[in-house]
Amino acid sequence: MGRLVPAVTRALDILELFLEGEGMLSAPDITRKLQLPRTTVHELVTTLAARSYLVSVPEQPGRYRLGVRAYQLGSRYAEQLDLAAEGQQVARQVAETCGETVHVAILEDLDVIYIAKVDSTHAVRMVSAAGRRLPAHCTAVGKMLLASLPPDELAVRVEGAGDLVAMTGHSITDPDALRAALDGVRERGVATEHRESNPDVGCVAAPVRDGARHVVAALSVSVPMIRWTEERETELADLAVKGAADLSARLGHRGAAR
C-alpha cells in the first residue's frame, strides 16, 4: 500500500465534516473540529472552493457549504450501484455468520421479489430462488416493506388487492389484522413471520435504505422451525439489522437501517 498524502487526507477530512449533519461551516469551525493550523485550513478551503467542492454562502460571509462538484460525484456513485449485486455480497456475509438462508427483496405492488439469495449451509434449510415472487403479507421482508410505505399508499394497495391470499394456515388474510401487524413492525423496527409462507420456516427481516433514506429493499434471515427459538430469533434479528445497515451504507445511507 502506498503512502497517504497528508494534504489530500486533510482535504477529505474537511469534506467529511459535512457528512456529520453540518449544513454550513466556517474556517474557524473547521480549524476547531480538526485541530489543524488556521493557515492550512484557509489554503485547503480556498482550493476546495476553487474546484467547486465547497461554495461560500452569500448571505453568511465566511461560511461554506458543499458545492456542486460534491453532488456530481455522489450522483455518479449512485448511478453505478447495483442493488442486486450489492445485496448478494452482503447476503453472503450474513449467511457466513449465521449459517442460515439470507434473502434481499424488493416490493412490487403487493408482492415481494427476491433479488439476492444465499443458501444455508445446513442440510435442513429453506428452498427458494432469486427472482421468486411471493405475496408480501406472508413474508417478513414483505411486511417490512409494506410497513415502510406512506399510510395513504399502503391503504390504496391493500384496499385494491381484494382478498389476501393464504399460503399456509398461519397466513394473515384479514386486512385489519395486517394493518395491526404492520403497526408492530414499525414499532419494533424489524419484521417476523412464523410459518406464514412456509409451514416449516420462520423469518426475520430489517429495512434497507438508500442515500435519500427511502426504504428500497429488505434483508431477511430464514430458519427452519426446528432451529427456531426466541433466543435464536433475537440473534438473527440483530444480524438482519446489521446486514441491512451494511447494505444501506453501500447505497449511500448514513445511520442505522432501522
Protein backbone atom coordinates (compact mmCIF):
# COMPACT_ATOMS: atom_id res chain seq x y z
CA MET A 1 0.00 0.00 0.00
CA GLY A 2 1.35 3.42 -0.95
CA ARG A 3 1.92 6.38 1.35
CA LEU A 4 -1.08 8.54 2.22
CA VAL A 5 -0.76 12.16 1.12
CA PRO A 6 -1.38 14.41 4.17
CA ALA A 7 -2.82 17.33 2.19
CA VAL A 8 -5.33 15.10 0.41
CA THR A 9 -6.28 13.41 3.68
CA ARG A 10 -6.92 16.78 5.32
CA ALA A 11 -8.99 17.99 2.37
CA LEU A 12 -11.13 14.87 2.58
CA ASP A 13 -11.45 15.33 6.35
CA ILE A 14 -12.90 18.77 5.69
CA LEU A 15 -15.44 17.44 3.17
CA GLU A 16 -16.44 14.62 5.51
CA LEU A 17 -17.31 17.13 8.24
CA PHE A 18 -20.35 17.97 6.14
CA LEU A 19 -21.49 14.33 6.39
CA GLU A 20 -21.98 14.81 10.13
CA GLY A 21 -25.08 16.90 9.64
CA GLU A 22 -23.37 20.29 9.38
CA GLY A 23 -25.03 22.29 6.61
CA MET A 24 -22.56 25.14 6.79
CA LEU A 25 -19.12 25.59 8.35
CA SER A 26 -16.70 28.46 8.71
CA ALA A 27 -12.92 28.19 8.57
CA PRO A 28 -12.72 28.64 12.38
CA ASP A 29 -15.28 25.82 12.77
CA ILE A 30 -13.11 23.53 10.66
CA THR A 31 -9.96 24.56 12.49
CA ARG A 32 -11.55 23.74 15.84
CA LYS A 33 -13.07 20.43 14.77
CA LEU A 34 -10.00 19.07 13.01
CA GLN A 35 -7.36 20.73 15.18
CA LEU A 36 -5.47 21.97 12.14
CA PRO A 37 -3.45 25.18 11.72
CA ARG A 38 -5.54 28.14 10.55
CA THR A 39 -3.29 28.73 7.56
CA THR A 40 -3.62 25.12 6.43
CA VAL A 41 -7.41 25.24 6.72
CA HIS A 42 -7.56 28.53 4.79
CA GLU A 43 -5.45 27.10 1.95
CA LEU A 44 -7.46 23.86 1.77
CA VAL A 45 -10.83 25.62 1.88
CA THR A 46 -9.70 28.06 -0.81
CA THR A 47 -8.61 25.16 -3.02
CA LEU A 48 -11.83 23.18 -2.47
CA ALA A 49 -13.91 26.26 -3.24
CA ALA A 50 -11.90 26.96 -6.41
CA ARG A 51 -12.72 23.41 -7.59
CA SER A 52 -16.43 23.78 -6.62
CA TYR A 53 -16.33 21.15 -3.88
CA LEU A 54 -17.22 23.94 -1.47
CA VAL A 55 -19.09 27.16 -2.10
CA SER A 56 -19.28 30.26 0.06
CA VAL A 57 -22.69 31.23 1.44
CA PRO A 58 -23.50 34.73 0.13
CA GLU A 59 -25.78 35.72 3.00
CA GLN A 60 -23.30 34.47 5.60
CA PRO A 61 -19.78 35.66 4.71
CA GLY A 62 -17.01 33.33 5.81
CA ARG A 63 -19.21 30.24 5.87
CA TYR A 64 -19.20 27.39 3.36
CA ARG A 65 -21.46 24.58 2.23
CA LEU A 66 -20.91 21.66 -0.14
CA GLY A 67 -20.65 22.65 -3.78
CA VAL A 68 -21.99 21.18 -6.98
CA ARG A 69 -18.89 19.05 -7.57
CA ALA A 70 -19.61 17.00 -4.44
CA TYR A 71 -23.17 16.45 -5.68
CA GLN A 72 -21.93 15.35 -9.09
CA LEU A 73 -19.60 12.77 -7.57
CA GLY A 74 -22.38 11.45 -5.34
CA SER A 75 -24.76 11.20 -8.28
CA ARG A 76 -22.23 9.31 -10.37
CA TYR A 77 -21.62 6.89 -7.49
CA ALA A 78 -25.38 6.30 -7.14
CA GLU A 79 -25.68 5.62 -10.88
CA GLN A 80 -23.16 2.79 -10.75
CA LEU A 81 -24.76 0.99 -7.80
CA ASP A 82 -26.41 -2.34 -8.46
CA LEU A 83 -28.80 -3.22 -5.63
CA ALA A 84 -28.89 -6.90 -6.58
CA ALA A 85 -25.11 -7.22 -6.76
CA GLU A 86 -24.52 -5.29 -3.54
CA GLY A 87 -27.30 -7.26 -1.87
CA GLN A 88 -25.76 -10.57 -2.91
CA GLN A 89 -22.42 -9.60 -1.36
CA VAL A 90 -23.98 -8.54 1.93
CA ALA A 91 -26.29 -11.58 1.99
CA ARG A 92 -23.25 -13.80 1.62
CA GLN A 93 -21.54 -12.13 4.57
CA VAL A 94 -24.61 -12.51 6.79
CA ALA A 95 -25.07 -16.16 5.72
CA GLU A 96 -21.44 -16.91 6.52
CA THR A 97 -22.00 -15.55 10.02
CA CYS A 98 -25.21 -17.42 10.88
CA GLY A 99 -25.23 -20.39 8.51
CA GLU A 100 -28.86 -19.74 7.54
CA THR A 101 -30.57 -18.69 4.31
CA VAL A 102 -30.46 -14.95 3.63
CA HIS A 103 -32.62 -13.02 1.15
CA VAL A 104 -32.79 -9.46 -0.15
CA ALA A 105 -36.14 -8.50 -1.65
CA ILE A 106 -37.94 -5.52 -3.17
CA LEU A 107 -41.64 -4.66 -3.27
CA GLU A 108 -43.79 -4.66 -6.40
CA ASP A 109 -47.47 -3.89 -5.82
CA LEU A 110 -48.38 -6.35 -3.02
CA ASP A 111 -45.70 -8.91 -3.88
CA VAL A 112 -42.06 -9.23 -2.98
CA ILE A 113 -39.41 -10.24 -5.49
CA TYR A 114 -36.22 -11.82 -4.21
CA ILE A 115 -33.26 -10.16 -5.92
CA ALA A 116 -30.48 -11.85 -3.95
CA LYS A 117 -30.21 -15.11 -2.03
CA VAL A 118 -27.55 -17.16 -0.27
CA ASP A 119 -28.37 -20.67 0.89
CA SER A 120 -27.97 -22.08 4.38
CA THR A 121 -25.09 -24.46 4.99
CA HIS A 122 -27.38 -26.83 6.91
CA ALA A 123 -28.84 -29.97 5.37
CA VAL A 124 -32.32 -28.88 6.52
CA ARG A 125 -32.91 -25.45 5.01
CA MET A 126 -35.37 -23.23 3.18
CA VAL A 127 -35.63 -23.84 -0.57
CA SER A 128 -36.14 -20.72 -2.67
CA ALA A 129 -34.59 -18.83 -5.57
CA ALA A 130 -33.67 -15.31 -6.63
CA GLY A 131 -36.40 -13.94 -8.87
CA ARG A 132 -39.16 -15.71 -6.98
CA ARG A 133 -42.30 -13.67 -6.26
CA LEU A 134 -44.43 -14.13 -3.11
CA PRO A 135 -47.35 -12.27 -1.51
CA ALA A 136 -45.77 -9.57 0.65
CA HIS A 137 -48.12 -10.02 3.60
CA CYS A 138 -46.97 -13.64 4.03
CA THR A 139 -43.26 -12.83 4.39
CA ALA A 140 -41.06 -10.95 6.82
CA VAL A 141 -39.41 -8.95 4.03
CA GLY A 142 -42.83 -8.10 2.65
CA LYS A 143 -44.17 -6.93 5.99
CA MET A 144 -41.08 -4.78 6.44
CA LEU A 145 -41.55 -3.20 3.02
CA LEU A 146 -45.30 -2.70 3.44
CA ALA A 147 -44.77 -1.13 6.88
CA SER A 148 -42.37 1.37 5.28
CA LEU A 149 -44.94 2.69 2.79
CA PRO A 150 -46.68 6.03 3.43
CA PRO A 151 -50.08 5.35 5.07
CA ASP A 152 -52.08 6.60 2.08
CA GLU A 153 -50.15 4.45 -0.37
CA LEU A 154 -50.46 1.40 1.88
CA ALA A 155 -54.22 1.91 2.14
CA VAL A 156 -54.61 2.11 -1.63
CA ARG A 157 -52.57 -1.02 -2.21
CA VAL A 158 -54.34 -3.09 0.46
CA GLU A 159 -57.84 -1.90 -0.44
CA GLY A 160 -57.25 -2.51 -4.12
CA ALA A 161 -55.92 -6.01 -3.62
CA GLY A 162 -59.16 -7.71 -2.67
CA ASP A 163 -58.81 -10.83 -0.55
CA LEU A 164 -55.38 -11.53 0.93
CA VAL A 165 -54.32 -14.99 -0.19
CA ALA A 166 -53.20 -17.60 2.33
CA MET A 167 -50.04 -19.60 1.71
CA THR A 168 -50.41 -21.59 4.93
CA GLY A 169 -52.89 -21.83 7.77
CA HIS A 170 -50.84 -19.21 9.62
CA SER A 171 -51.01 -16.56 6.87
CA ILE A 172 -52.70 -13.24 7.59
CA THR A 173 -55.78 -12.88 5.39
CA ASP A 174 -57.68 -10.06 7.13
CA PRO A 175 -56.67 -6.50 6.10
CA ASP A 176 -57.27 -5.16 9.63
CA ALA A 177 -55.05 -7.88 11.09
CA LEU A 178 -52.39 -6.99 8.54
CA ARG A 179 -52.54 -3.31 9.48
CA ALA A 180 -52.15 -4.24 13.16
CA ALA A 181 -49.16 -6.45 12.32
CA LEU A 182 -47.55 -3.63 10.34
CA ASP A 183 -48.02 -1.26 13.27
CA GLY A 184 -45.99 -3.72 15.33
CA VAL A 185 -43.30 -3.85 12.65
CA ARG A 186 -42.95 -0.06 12.68
CA GLU A 187 -42.70 -0.06 16.47
CA ARG A 188 -40.02 -2.78 16.61
CA GLY A 189 -38.08 -1.80 13.50
CA VAL A 190 -37.93 -5.45 12.38
CA ALA A 191 -40.47 -7.86 10.91
CA THR A 192 -41.02 -11.54 11.62
CA GLU A 193 -43.17 -14.31 10.24
CA HIS A 194 -43.73 -17.75 11.68
CA ARG A 195 -44.91 -20.41 9.21
CA GLU A 196 -46.85 -17.82 7.16
CA SER A 197 -45.25 -18.50 3.79
CA ASN A 198 -43.91 -21.98 4.51
CA PRO A 199 -45.29 -24.23 7.28
CA ASP A 200 -41.77 -25.23 8.31
CA VAL A 201 -39.96 -21.87 8.20
CA GLY A 202 -39.67 -18.67 10.25
CA CYS A 203 -38.05 -15.42 9.10
CA VAL A 204 -36.89 -12.09 10.47
CA ALA A 205 -36.23 -9.01 8.30
CA ALA A 206 -34.87 -5.47 8.52
CA PRO A 207 -35.17 -2.46 6.16
CA VAL A 208 -32.58 -1.37 3.61
CA ARG A 209 -32.42 2.37 2.90
CA ASP A 210 -30.78 4.36 0.12
CA GLY A 211 -28.94 7.66 0.30
CA ALA A 212 -32.23 9.56 0.43
CA ARG A 213 -33.29 7.45 3.46
CA HIS A 214 -36.03 5.72 1.49
CA VAL A 215 -36.64 2.03 2.19
CA VAL A 216 -35.78 0.35 -1.11
CA ALA A 217 -35.44 -3.29 -0.02
CA ALA A 218 -35.42 -5.59 2.97
CA LEU A 219 -32.96 -8.23 4.13
CA SER A 220 -34.15 -11.38 5.88
CA VAL A 221 -32.77 -14.47 7.55
CA SER A 222 -34.89 -17.64 7.15
CA VAL A 223 -34.70 -20.58 9.54
CA PRO A 224 -36.44 -23.98 9.69
CA MET A 225 -38.72 -24.03 12.72
CA ILE A 226 -36.78 -26.99 14.14
CA ARG A 227 -33.94 -24.49 14.80
CA TRP A 228 -36.17 -21.57 15.82
CA THR A 229 -36.17 -20.36 19.42
CA GLU A 230 -36.81 -16.96 20.98
CA GLU A 231 -33.10 -16.63 21.69
CA ARG A 232 -32.23 -17.54 18.11
CA GLU A 233 -34.81 -15.08 16.81
CA THR A 234 -33.16 -12.28 18.77
CA GLU A 235 -29.72 -13.23 17.46
CA LEU A 236 -30.93 -13.36 13.87
CA ALA A 237 -32.84 -10.08 14.20
CA ASP A 238 -29.61 -8.40 15.27
CA LEU A 239 -27.79 -9.96 12.30
CA ALA A 240 -30.54 -8.87 9.90
CA VAL A 241 -30.38 -5.31 11.22
CA LYS A 242 -26.59 -5.24 10.89
CA GLY A 243 -26.70 -6.72 7.40
CA ALA A 244 -29.39 -4.26 6.32
CA ALA A 245 -27.33 -1.40 7.75
CA ASP A 246 -24.25 -2.61 5.83
CA LEU A 247 -26.22 -2.78 2.59
CA SER A 248 -27.79 0.62 3.28
CA ALA A 249 -24.32 2.09 3.76
CA ARG A 250 -23.28 0.68 0.38
CA LEU A 251 -26.28 2.51 -1.12
CA GLY A 252 -25.19 5.81 0.41
CA HIS A 253 -27.32 5.81 3.56
CA ARG A 254 -25.77 7.20 6.74
CA GLY A 255 -27.05 5.98 10.09
CA ALA A 256 -28.82 2.86 11.32
CA ALA A 257 -31.03 0.90 8.97
CA ARG A 258 -34.00 0.95 11.31
